[in-house]
N, C-alpha and C. Protein backbone atom coordinates (compact mmCIF):
# COMPACT_ATOMS: atom_id res chain seq x y z
N MET A 1 -28.59 32.11 -8.61
CA MET A 1 -27.72 31.46 -8.84
C MET A 1 -26.52 31.87 -7.43
N ALA A 2 -26.94 33.44 -7.26
CA ALA A 2 -25.68 34.03 -6.04
C ALA A 2 -25.84 33.74 -5.09
N SER A 3 -27.35 33.24 -4.63
CA SER A 3 -27.65 32.65 -3.19
C SER A 3 -27.47 31.31 -3.46
N ALA A 4 -27.46 30.68 -4.23
CA ALA A 4 -26.63 28.96 -4.28
C ALA A 4 -25.42 29.23 -3.71
N LEU A 5 -23.98 30.17 -4.70
CA LEU A 5 -22.60 29.85 -4.97
C LEU A 5 -22.57 30.38 -3.18
N THR A 6 -23.76 31.34 -2.74
CA THR A 6 -23.82 31.39 -1.09
C THR A 6 -23.37 30.50 -0.04
N VAL A 7 -24.54 29.94 -0.33
CA VAL A 7 -25.08 28.48 0.52
C VAL A 7 -23.61 27.09 0.58
N LEU A 8 -23.43 27.34 -1.15
CA LEU A 8 -22.92 26.40 -1.33
C LEU A 8 -21.07 27.15 -0.49
N LEU A 9 -20.96 28.34 -0.39
CA LEU A 9 -19.71 28.03 -0.07
C LEU A 9 -19.42 28.21 2.00
N LEU A 10 -20.89 28.76 2.43
CA LEU A 10 -21.83 28.68 3.28
C LEU A 10 -21.07 27.52 4.45
N GLY A 11 -21.34 26.32 3.17
CA GLY A 11 -21.43 25.07 4.21
C GLY A 11 -20.57 24.74 4.32
N CYS A 12 -19.16 25.05 3.01
CA CYS A 12 -18.18 24.62 3.21
C CYS A 12 -17.34 25.02 4.37
N TRP A 13 -17.36 26.44 4.70
CA TRP A 13 -16.74 26.99 6.29
C TRP A 13 -17.34 26.45 6.88
N LEU A 14 -18.58 25.90 7.09
CA LEU A 14 -18.69 25.69 8.23
C LEU A 14 -18.74 23.62 8.51
N ALA A 15 -18.57 23.36 7.54
CA ALA A 15 -17.42 22.03 7.51
C ALA A 15 -16.51 22.44 7.78
N GLY A 16 -14.87 23.48 7.57
CA GLY A 16 -14.36 22.99 7.69
C GLY A 16 -14.30 23.55 9.51
N GLN A 17 -14.58 24.32 10.24
CA GLN A 17 -15.06 24.85 11.23
C GLN A 17 -15.18 23.72 12.14
N SER A 18 -16.42 22.27 12.01
CA SER A 18 -17.21 21.65 12.93
C SER A 18 -16.43 20.68 12.56
N GLY A 19 -14.63 20.17 12.13
CA GLY A 19 -14.09 19.30 11.81
C GLY A 19 -14.44 18.53 10.98
N ALA A 20 -16.01 18.68 10.18
CA ALA A 20 -16.05 17.47 8.88
C ALA A 20 -15.35 17.18 7.92
N SER A 21 -14.49 17.71 7.55
CA SER A 21 -13.43 17.69 6.43
C SER A 21 -12.28 16.47 7.04
N GLY A 22 -12.78 16.43 8.37
CA GLY A 22 -11.85 15.44 8.75
C GLY A 22 -10.24 16.16 8.98
N GLU A 23 -9.63 16.92 9.04
CA GLU A 23 -8.53 17.43 9.67
C GLU A 23 -8.87 17.93 10.71
N GLY A 24 -7.44 17.62 11.58
CA GLY A 24 -7.12 18.11 13.16
C GLY A 24 -7.77 19.59 13.43
N PRO A 25 -7.53 20.03 14.08
CA PRO A 25 -6.77 21.08 14.83
C PRO A 25 -4.90 21.61 14.83
N TYR A 26 -4.76 20.21 14.81
CA TYR A 26 -3.49 20.33 14.32
C TYR A 26 -2.69 20.06 13.13
N PRO A 27 -1.60 20.27 12.64
CA PRO A 27 -1.19 19.90 11.43
C PRO A 27 -0.45 18.47 11.09
N LYS A 28 0.27 18.09 11.02
CA LYS A 28 0.17 16.40 9.96
C LYS A 28 1.17 16.78 10.72
N PRO A 29 1.60 15.90 11.35
CA PRO A 29 3.43 15.11 11.65
C PRO A 29 3.75 14.57 10.24
N SER A 30 5.21 14.51 10.35
CA SER A 30 5.88 13.02 9.38
C SER A 30 6.29 12.42 9.86
N ILE A 31 6.52 11.27 9.26
CA ILE A 31 6.50 9.53 9.82
C ILE A 31 8.21 9.56 8.57
N SER A 32 8.92 8.31 8.72
CA SER A 32 9.65 7.50 8.38
C SER A 32 9.71 6.62 8.78
N VAL A 33 10.34 5.23 8.44
CA VAL A 33 11.00 4.50 8.71
C VAL A 33 12.50 4.41 8.46
N SER A 34 12.71 3.40 9.02
CA SER A 34 14.83 3.05 8.99
C SER A 34 14.65 1.96 9.54
N PRO A 35 15.40 0.65 8.40
CA PRO A 35 16.07 1.40 7.51
C PRO A 35 14.79 1.30 6.38
N SER A 36 14.61 1.83 5.28
CA SER A 36 13.38 1.47 4.70
C SER A 36 13.81 0.10 3.41
N GLY A 37 12.78 -0.41 2.99
CA GLY A 37 12.58 -1.62 1.98
C GLY A 37 12.15 -2.47 1.87
N VAL A 38 12.90 -3.63 2.28
CA VAL A 38 12.18 -4.56 2.98
C VAL A 38 12.81 -5.10 4.15
N ILE A 39 12.09 -5.69 4.70
CA ILE A 39 12.80 -5.44 5.70
C ILE A 39 12.83 -7.51 6.68
N PRO A 40 13.63 -7.98 6.73
CA PRO A 40 14.23 -9.78 6.69
C PRO A 40 13.12 -9.67 8.07
N VAL A 41 12.88 -11.06 8.10
CA VAL A 41 11.95 -11.83 9.33
C VAL A 41 13.22 -11.73 10.29
N GLY A 42 12.37 -11.20 11.91
CA GLY A 42 13.66 -11.47 12.65
C GLY A 42 14.74 -10.06 12.73
N GLY A 43 14.85 -8.98 12.12
CA GLY A 43 15.15 -7.55 11.99
C GLY A 43 14.40 -6.38 12.35
N LYS A 44 15.19 -5.59 12.30
CA LYS A 44 14.92 -4.51 13.20
C LYS A 44 14.32 -3.21 12.60
N VAL A 45 13.52 -2.96 12.51
CA VAL A 45 13.21 -1.26 12.02
C VAL A 45 12.41 -0.01 12.61
N THR A 46 12.77 1.02 12.75
CA THR A 46 12.33 2.03 13.25
C THR A 46 11.33 2.75 12.67
N ILE A 47 10.64 3.17 13.02
CA ILE A 47 9.14 4.43 12.99
C ILE A 47 9.30 5.61 14.03
N ARG A 48 10.10 6.67 12.60
CA ARG A 48 10.04 8.02 13.57
C ARG A 48 8.87 8.94 13.06
N CYS A 49 8.50 9.57 14.49
CA CYS A 49 7.19 10.27 13.97
C CYS A 49 7.38 11.96 15.05
N ARG A 50 7.95 13.16 13.53
CA ARG A 50 7.50 14.40 14.32
C ARG A 50 6.63 15.31 13.70
N HIS A 51 6.48 16.28 14.91
CA HIS A 51 5.69 17.32 14.46
C HIS A 51 6.49 19.04 15.07
N GLN A 52 5.56 19.69 15.59
CA GLN A 52 6.56 21.23 15.91
C GLN A 52 5.87 21.37 16.88
N LEU A 53 5.48 20.88 18.05
CA LEU A 53 4.47 21.28 19.58
C LEU A 53 5.48 20.37 20.16
N LEU A 54 5.00 20.65 21.57
CA LEU A 54 5.93 20.33 22.94
C LEU A 54 5.31 19.40 23.52
N ASP A 55 4.91 19.04 24.08
CA ASP A 55 4.06 17.99 25.50
C ASP A 55 3.47 17.75 24.87
N MET A 56 2.84 17.01 24.10
CA MET A 56 2.50 16.18 22.71
C MET A 56 2.41 14.51 22.78
N ARG A 57 0.96 14.24 23.11
CA ARG A 57 1.00 12.36 22.82
C ARG A 57 0.68 12.52 21.57
N ILE A 58 2.01 10.81 21.22
CA ILE A 58 2.42 10.92 19.86
C ILE A 58 1.86 9.01 20.11
N LEU A 59 0.82 9.13 18.75
CA LEU A 59 -0.02 7.88 18.15
C LEU A 59 1.03 7.04 17.47
N LEU A 60 0.43 5.92 17.23
CA LEU A 60 0.89 4.74 16.27
C LEU A 60 -0.65 4.27 15.91
N TYR A 61 -0.43 3.72 14.41
CA TYR A 61 -1.84 3.54 13.78
C TYR A 61 -1.08 2.51 12.55
N LYS A 62 -1.84 1.45 12.32
CA LYS A 62 -1.30 0.73 11.75
C LYS A 62 -2.73 0.36 10.41
N ASP A 63 -2.52 -0.10 8.91
CA ASP A 63 -3.19 0.19 8.55
C ASP A 63 -4.94 0.06 8.53
N GLU A 64 -4.41 2.00 8.61
CA GLU A 64 -6.56 2.61 8.61
C GLU A 64 -6.95 1.98 9.36
N ASP A 65 -6.40 1.70 10.71
CA ASP A 65 -7.41 1.32 11.75
C ASP A 65 -7.68 1.96 13.19
N GLU A 66 -9.01 2.50 13.28
CA GLU A 66 -9.57 3.87 13.65
C GLU A 66 -8.27 3.76 15.60
N ASN A 67 -8.22 2.40 15.99
CA ASN A 67 -7.73 2.42 17.11
C ASN A 67 -5.75 2.40 17.78
N TYR A 68 -5.44 3.03 17.45
CA TYR A 68 -4.44 3.08 17.90
C TYR A 68 -4.08 2.11 18.26
N LEU A 69 -2.25 1.49 17.81
CA LEU A 69 -1.63 0.63 17.53
C LEU A 69 -1.05 0.85 19.51
N THR A 70 -0.17 1.81 19.22
CA THR A 70 1.18 2.26 21.02
C THR A 70 0.98 3.92 20.88
N TYR A 71 1.01 4.12 21.81
CA TYR A 71 1.49 5.68 21.30
C TYR A 71 2.23 6.05 22.79
N THR A 72 2.95 7.12 22.81
CA THR A 72 4.54 7.45 23.84
C THR A 72 4.05 8.82 24.05
N ASP A 73 4.90 9.46 25.31
CA ASP A 73 5.08 10.94 25.76
C ASP A 73 6.00 11.73 25.72
N PRO A 74 6.51 11.85 24.21
CA PRO A 74 8.58 12.16 24.45
C PRO A 74 8.42 13.53 25.31
N ALA A 75 9.53 13.39 25.34
CA ALA A 75 10.36 14.93 25.84
C ALA A 75 9.67 15.54 25.11
N GLY A 76 10.24 15.75 23.81
CA GLY A 76 10.75 16.49 23.13
C GLY A 76 9.36 16.25 21.72
N SER A 77 9.61 16.80 20.55
CA SER A 77 8.77 16.60 19.75
C SER A 77 8.40 15.50 18.23
N GLU A 78 9.81 14.34 19.23
CA GLU A 78 9.91 13.28 18.33
C GLU A 78 9.98 11.65 18.59
N ALA A 79 8.84 11.05 18.26
CA ALA A 79 8.72 9.90 18.95
C ALA A 79 9.41 8.61 18.41
N GLU A 80 10.19 7.92 19.18
CA GLU A 80 10.59 6.53 17.90
C GLU A 80 9.96 5.07 18.94
N PHE A 81 9.07 4.51 17.65
CA PHE A 81 8.68 3.33 17.86
C PHE A 81 9.28 2.05 16.93
N PRO A 82 10.10 1.35 18.07
CA PRO A 82 11.27 0.85 17.30
C PRO A 82 10.63 -0.55 17.25
N ILE A 83 10.49 -1.80 16.36
CA ILE A 83 10.23 -3.35 16.41
C ILE A 83 11.39 -3.57 16.19
N THR A 84 12.18 -4.92 17.32
CA THR A 84 13.25 -5.61 17.40
C THR A 84 13.75 -6.77 17.24
N SER A 85 12.06 -7.39 16.62
CA SER A 85 12.20 -8.11 15.30
C SER A 85 10.99 -8.92 14.97
N ALA A 86 11.41 -8.56 13.86
CA ALA A 86 10.92 -8.18 13.31
C ALA A 86 9.37 -9.49 12.56
N ARG A 87 8.42 -9.79 12.88
CA ARG A 87 7.47 -10.64 12.19
C ARG A 87 6.34 -10.23 11.06
N ARG A 88 6.15 -11.66 10.53
CA ARG A 88 5.53 -10.70 9.12
C ARG A 88 4.85 -10.22 9.79
N GLU A 89 3.39 -10.55 10.47
CA GLU A 89 2.45 -9.57 11.10
C GLU A 89 3.22 -8.06 10.97
N ASP A 90 3.45 -7.54 11.02
CA ASP A 90 4.40 -6.34 11.29
C ASP A 90 4.50 -5.71 10.27
N GLY A 91 4.51 -6.49 9.07
CA GLY A 91 4.70 -5.49 7.75
C GLY A 91 2.71 -4.73 7.05
N GLY A 92 2.89 -3.73 6.86
CA GLY A 92 1.39 -2.79 6.84
C GLY A 92 1.76 -1.53 6.43
N ASN A 93 1.17 -0.39 6.89
CA ASN A 93 0.81 0.86 6.19
C ASN A 93 0.58 1.58 7.74
N TYR A 94 1.34 2.39 7.86
CA TYR A 94 1.75 2.86 9.18
C TYR A 94 1.56 4.08 8.98
N THR A 95 0.61 4.82 10.18
CA THR A 95 0.52 6.65 10.17
C THR A 95 0.88 6.75 11.44
N CYS A 96 1.20 8.37 11.80
CA CYS A 96 0.61 8.50 13.58
C CYS A 96 0.48 9.77 13.43
N ARG A 97 -0.37 10.51 14.80
CA ARG A 97 -1.13 11.77 15.25
C ARG A 97 -0.92 11.73 15.96
N TYR A 98 -0.98 12.91 16.71
CA TYR A 98 -0.62 12.92 17.83
C TYR A 98 -1.85 14.35 18.57
N THR A 99 -1.78 14.18 19.78
CA THR A 99 -2.78 15.04 20.63
C THR A 99 -2.51 15.33 21.65
N ASP A 100 -3.20 16.63 22.15
CA ASP A 100 -2.35 16.97 23.83
C ASP A 100 -2.90 16.75 25.21
N ARG A 101 -1.45 16.37 26.09
CA ARG A 101 -1.46 15.04 27.07
C ARG A 101 -2.56 15.13 27.75
N THR A 102 -3.01 16.98 28.20
CA THR A 102 -3.92 16.54 28.91
C THR A 102 -5.08 16.60 28.74
N GLY A 103 -5.42 15.66 28.09
CA GLY A 103 -6.51 15.40 27.82
C GLY A 103 -7.91 15.98 26.62
N GLU A 104 -7.58 16.61 26.62
CA GLU A 104 -8.25 17.94 25.17
C GLU A 104 -8.50 16.63 24.45
N VAL A 105 -9.70 16.65 23.44
CA VAL A 105 -10.40 15.68 22.91
C VAL A 105 -9.77 16.25 20.99
N ALA A 106 -8.65 16.75 21.08
CA ALA A 106 -8.35 17.23 19.82
C ALA A 106 -7.07 16.72 19.12
N TYR A 107 -7.01 16.35 17.74
CA TYR A 107 -6.29 15.78 17.63
C TYR A 107 -5.19 15.80 16.00
N SER A 108 -4.32 15.90 15.40
CA SER A 108 -3.73 16.62 14.18
C SER A 108 -4.40 15.60 13.15
N GLU A 109 -3.89 16.00 12.18
CA GLU A 109 -4.24 15.23 10.68
C GLU A 109 -3.86 14.01 10.55
N PRO A 110 -3.48 12.94 10.41
CA PRO A 110 -2.74 11.85 10.54
C PRO A 110 -1.73 11.63 9.49
N SER A 111 -0.49 11.60 9.60
CA SER A 111 0.72 11.40 9.04
C SER A 111 0.60 10.91 7.59
N ASP A 112 1.22 11.20 6.29
CA ASP A 112 1.19 10.43 5.47
C ASP A 112 1.40 8.82 5.30
N PRO A 113 0.93 8.16 4.93
CA PRO A 113 1.31 6.43 5.26
C PRO A 113 3.08 6.45 4.88
N VAL A 114 3.24 5.14 5.93
CA VAL A 114 4.70 4.69 5.33
C VAL A 114 4.42 3.52 5.46
N GLN A 115 5.40 2.68 4.61
CA GLN A 115 4.67 0.82 4.14
C GLN A 115 6.43 0.12 4.84
N ILE A 116 5.44 -0.09 5.62
CA ILE A 116 6.72 -2.00 6.14
C ILE A 116 7.30 -2.65 5.39
N VAL A 117 7.55 -3.52 4.87
CA VAL A 117 7.41 -4.93 4.23
C VAL A 117 8.16 -6.10 4.62
N VAL A 118 7.76 -7.19 5.09
CA VAL A 118 8.60 -7.83 5.71
C VAL A 118 8.78 -9.32 5.75
N ALA A 119 9.40 -9.92 4.99
CA ALA A 119 9.81 -11.25 4.26
C ALA A 119 10.92 -12.05 4.39
N GLY A 120 10.96 -13.16 3.56
CA GLY A 120 12.01 -13.81 4.56
C GLY A 120 12.00 -15.31 5.07
N GLU A 121 12.56 -15.93 5.21
CA GLU A 121 12.53 -17.58 5.96
C GLU A 121 12.45 -17.29 7.91
N THR A 122 11.16 -17.33 8.36
CA THR A 122 11.14 -17.48 9.34
C THR A 122 12.93 -17.63 10.41
N ASP A 123 12.90 -19.16 11.19
CA ASP A 123 14.37 -19.13 11.40
C ASP A 123 14.75 -20.73 10.61
N LEU A 124 15.77 -20.77 10.87
CA LEU A 124 16.78 -21.79 10.32
C LEU A 124 17.00 -23.34 11.87
N THR A 125 16.10 -23.68 11.47
CA THR A 125 16.11 -24.78 12.36
C THR A 125 16.73 -25.77 12.48
N GLN A 126 18.50 -25.64 11.75
CA GLN A 126 19.07 -26.80 11.52
C GLN A 126 20.20 -26.13 11.88
N PRO A 127 21.97 -25.96 12.37
CA PRO A 127 22.84 -25.28 13.18
C PRO A 127 23.14 -25.41 11.44
N GLY A 128 23.84 -23.97 10.96
CA GLY A 128 25.18 -24.20 9.29
C GLY A 128 23.79 -24.06 8.77
N ALA A 129 22.70 -24.40 8.20
CA ALA A 129 21.45 -24.26 7.31
C ALA A 129 21.62 -23.34 7.04
N ALA A 130 21.80 -23.84 5.28
CA ALA A 130 21.91 -22.20 4.44
C ALA A 130 20.36 -21.30 3.78
N PRO A 131 20.59 -20.53 3.90
CA PRO A 131 19.32 -20.06 3.98
C PRO A 131 18.94 -19.62 2.59
N ALA A 132 18.04 -19.75 2.27
CA ALA A 132 17.07 -19.85 1.56
C ALA A 132 17.11 -18.81 0.70
N PRO A 133 17.40 -19.09 -0.69
CA PRO A 133 17.48 -18.28 -1.77
C PRO A 133 16.71 -17.13 -1.62
N THR A 134 17.06 -16.01 -2.06
CA THR A 134 16.04 -14.85 -2.28
C THR A 134 15.86 -14.88 -4.18
N HIS A 135 14.68 -14.30 -4.01
CA HIS A 135 14.22 -13.91 -5.59
C HIS A 135 13.96 -12.61 -6.74
N PRO A 136 14.28 -12.12 -6.94
CA PRO A 136 14.80 -10.36 -7.26
C PRO A 136 12.74 -10.01 -7.39
N GLY A 137 12.56 -9.20 -6.61
CA GLY A 137 11.01 -9.22 -5.73
C GLY A 137 10.81 -9.67 -4.82
N SER A 138 11.59 -10.33 -3.54
CA SER A 138 11.31 -10.86 -3.43
C SER A 138 9.74 -10.41 -2.08
N ALA A 139 9.28 -9.31 -2.43
CA ALA A 139 8.49 -8.49 -1.39
C ALA A 139 7.31 -9.45 -1.66
N GLU A 140 6.57 -10.70 -2.50
CA GLU A 140 6.15 -11.06 -2.58
C GLU A 140 5.28 -12.22 -1.67
N PRO A 141 4.11 -12.12 -0.86
CA PRO A 141 3.64 -12.85 -0.04
C PRO A 141 4.30 -14.17 -0.07
N ALA A 142 4.98 -14.79 1.11
CA ALA A 142 5.27 -15.95 1.13
C ALA A 142 4.37 -17.08 1.76
N GLY A 143 4.13 -18.95 0.91
CA GLY A 143 3.49 -19.78 0.95
C GLY A 143 3.87 -20.16 2.68
N PRO A 144 2.78 -21.44 2.47
CA PRO A 144 3.42 -22.53 3.74
C PRO A 144 4.24 -22.67 3.82
N SER A 145 5.78 -23.11 2.75
CA SER A 145 6.16 -23.91 3.15
C SER A 145 7.86 -22.28 2.87
N GLY A 146 7.10 -21.47 2.88
CA GLY A 146 8.40 -20.35 3.38
C GLY A 146 9.12 -19.22 2.29
N ARG A 147 8.43 -20.30 1.30
CA ARG A 147 8.84 -20.07 -0.17
C ARG A 147 7.97 -18.68 -0.83
N PRO A 148 8.12 -17.33 -1.76
CA PRO A 148 7.43 -16.49 -2.21
C PRO A 148 6.21 -17.45 -3.05
N ASP A 149 5.31 -16.69 -2.82
CA ASP A 149 4.14 -17.23 -3.16
C ASP A 149 3.35 -16.62 -4.51
N PHE A 150 3.93 -17.00 -5.93
CA PHE A 150 3.77 -16.55 -6.71
C PHE A 150 2.14 -16.36 -7.48
N THR A 151 1.40 -17.18 -6.85
CA THR A 151 0.13 -17.39 -7.71
C THR A 151 -0.57 -16.02 -7.57
N HIS A 152 -0.75 -14.95 -7.36
CA HIS A 152 -1.15 -13.84 -7.72
C HIS A 152 -0.24 -13.43 -9.24
N THR A 153 0.99 -13.69 -9.39
CA THR A 153 1.16 -12.92 -10.21
C THR A 153 1.38 -14.07 -11.27
N ASN A 154 1.02 -15.33 -11.39
CA ASN A 154 0.62 -16.39 -11.90
C ASN A 154 -0.67 -15.95 -12.48
N ILE A 155 -1.60 -15.81 -11.74
CA ILE A 155 -3.24 -15.31 -12.23
C ILE A 155 -2.65 -13.94 -13.40
N ALA A 156 -1.79 -13.28 -12.90
CA ALA A 156 -2.28 -12.06 -13.57
C ALA A 156 -1.43 -12.43 -14.93
N ARG A 157 -0.82 -12.95 -15.00
CA ARG A 157 0.02 -13.60 -16.40
C ARG A 157 -0.84 -14.90 -16.84
N LEU A 158 -1.81 -15.53 -16.12
CA LEU A 158 -3.11 -15.79 -17.16
C LEU A 158 -4.24 -15.24 -17.77
N GLY A 159 -4.32 -13.87 -17.24
CA GLY A 159 -5.17 -13.71 -17.63
C GLY A 159 -5.06 -12.46 -18.33
N LEU A 160 -3.25 -11.91 -18.67
CA LEU A 160 -3.08 -11.01 -20.08
C LEU A 160 -2.92 -12.06 -20.95
N GLY A 161 -2.76 -13.44 -21.11
CA GLY A 161 -2.31 -14.30 -21.74
C GLY A 161 -3.95 -14.72 -22.42
N ALA A 162 -5.33 -14.67 -21.66
CA ALA A 162 -6.06 -14.85 -22.35
C ALA A 162 -6.76 -13.71 -22.84
N MET A 163 -6.70 -12.57 -22.58
CA MET A 163 -7.04 -11.68 -23.14
C MET A 163 -5.88 -11.32 -24.48
N VAL A 164 -4.87 -11.75 -23.92
CA VAL A 164 -3.93 -11.80 -25.75
C VAL A 164 -4.91 -12.99 -27.26
N LEU A 165 -5.39 -13.69 -26.49
CA LEU A 165 -6.10 -14.72 -27.30
C LEU A 165 -7.21 -14.10 -27.74
N LEU A 166 -8.04 -13.19 -26.82
CA LEU A 166 -9.12 -12.88 -27.54
C LEU A 166 -9.07 -12.15 -27.90
N VAL A 167 -7.86 -10.86 -27.69
CA VAL A 167 -7.89 -10.10 -29.05
C VAL A 167 -7.69 -10.91 -30.71
N LEU A 168 -6.55 -11.43 -30.51
CA LEU A 168 -6.11 -12.31 -31.60
C LEU A 168 -7.36 -13.36 -32.37
N GLY A 169 -7.94 -13.49 -31.31
CA GLY A 169 -9.40 -14.93 -31.83
C GLY A 169 -11.04 -13.35 -32.86
N LEU A 170 -10.36 -12.66 -32.04
CA LEU A 170 -11.22 -11.34 -32.78
C LEU A 170 -11.29 -10.61 -34.24
N ILE A 171 -9.17 -10.62 -34.09
CA ILE A 171 -8.56 -10.53 -35.26
C ILE A 171 -9.29 -11.56 -36.59
N LEU A 172 -8.47 -12.78 -36.02
CA LEU A 172 -9.05 -13.81 -37.25
C LEU A 172 -10.67 -13.40 -37.57
N ALA A 173 -11.67 -13.67 -36.52
CA ALA A 173 -12.47 -13.77 -36.93
C ALA A 173 -12.91 -12.45 -38.10
N GLU A 174 -12.84 -11.73 -37.90
CA GLU A 174 -12.73 -9.69 -39.01
C GLU A 174 -12.42 -9.95 -39.68
N ALA A 175 -11.09 -11.07 -39.42
CA ALA A 175 -10.12 -11.16 -41.19
C ALA A 175 -11.17 -12.34 -41.85
N TYR A 176 -12.23 -13.10 -41.05
CA TYR A 176 -13.00 -13.80 -41.92
C TYR A 176 -14.20 -13.60 -42.85
N TYR A 177 -15.13 -12.71 -41.82
CA TYR A 177 -16.01 -12.15 -42.07
C TYR A 177 -15.77 -11.55 -43.18
N SER A 178 -14.46 -10.49 -43.36
CA SER A 178 -14.72 -9.30 -44.18
C SER A 178 -13.99 -10.07 -45.15
N ARG A 179 -13.88 -10.91 -45.99
CA ARG A 179 -13.03 -11.99 -46.92
C ARG A 179 -14.47 -11.55 -48.03
N PRO A 180 -13.95 -11.02 -48.83
CA PRO A 180 -14.86 -11.73 -50.54
C PRO A 180 -15.69 -12.93 -49.95
N ARG A 181 -17.71 -12.60 -50.60
CA ARG A 181 -18.34 -14.07 -50.53
C ARG A 181 -17.79 -15.08 -51.36
N GLY A 182 -17.49 -16.30 -51.43
CA GLY A 182 -17.33 -17.71 -51.62
C GLY A 182 -15.88 -17.24 -51.65
N ALA A 183 -14.88 -17.09 -51.66
CA ALA A 183 -13.36 -17.00 -51.79
C ALA A 183 -13.11 -17.62 -51.25
N PRO A 184 -12.41 -19.17 -51.43
CA PRO A 184 -11.56 -20.04 -50.20
C PRO A 184 -11.19 -19.82 -49.36
N LEU A 185 -11.17 -19.84 -47.83
CA LEU A 185 -10.09 -19.73 -47.67
C LEU A 185 -8.45 -19.28 -46.76
N GLY A 186 -8.05 -20.48 -48.25
CA GLY A 186 -6.85 -20.85 -47.95
C GLY A 186 -6.43 -19.27 -49.36
N ALA A 187 -7.48 -19.33 -50.71
CA ALA A 187 -6.62 -18.88 -51.34
C ALA A 187 -6.70 -17.05 -50.58
N TRP A 188 -7.92 -16.78 -50.02
CA TRP A 188 -7.83 -15.41 -49.63
C TRP A 188 -6.83 -15.08 -48.55
N ILE A 189 -5.99 -16.18 -47.71
CA ILE A 189 -5.23 -15.40 -47.02
C ILE A 189 -3.36 -15.53 -48.07
N TRP A 190 -3.73 -16.55 -48.77
CA TRP A 190 -2.53 -16.75 -49.34
C TRP A 190 -2.46 -14.84 -50.72
N SER A 191 -3.46 -14.64 -50.91
CA SER A 191 -3.53 -12.92 -51.91
C SER A 191 -3.80 -12.05 -50.21
N CYS A 192 -3.59 -12.28 -49.29
CA CYS A 192 -3.55 -11.18 -48.09
C CYS A 192 -1.61 -11.05 -48.05
N GLY A 193 -0.93 -12.05 -48.49
CA GLY A 193 0.62 -12.55 -47.97
C GLY A 193 0.71 -11.76 -49.54
N GLN A 194 0.44 -11.56 -49.87
CA GLN A 194 1.32 -11.28 -51.53
C GLN A 194 1.56 -9.75 -51.55
């Protein structure tokens, strides 16, 4: 038993030393987005990454892609990644990492993710046209018409309705089969209500 515990501890230590645990040699940076919440199409948003070291390259990743989206070599320990005219494709989860500028292949742990949601009409085609009405929870994906697509919401509601009907059917079936044999259904229902 003691030798198995020793092998297990040694394996964990070796995994941590070789980087097999997925953690980099540098601590993870912090990431923030401003403004937060739902960003309208064409709006501005800035992603900020901070770390504790100097002379590091900061890399921005999107949606857990292994390849970075962009990078910068800031003078200090903070980098800004502005999106000046947000498109729907800019929505997603972002993380950042940093690495030494000298070319040493050692990366920090990835930051915690932040989410950007881009929603709304793309462009007003007629001058003076009123903007489309907004709906509560307008973070739903938009369909081809530019209006929110509630397909997923409707599917969830239909599934919930089907589950309720199934449960009610099972309750009625159990009640039907648990009534006394030979008793008419109408009389049994009447007696249950008394």
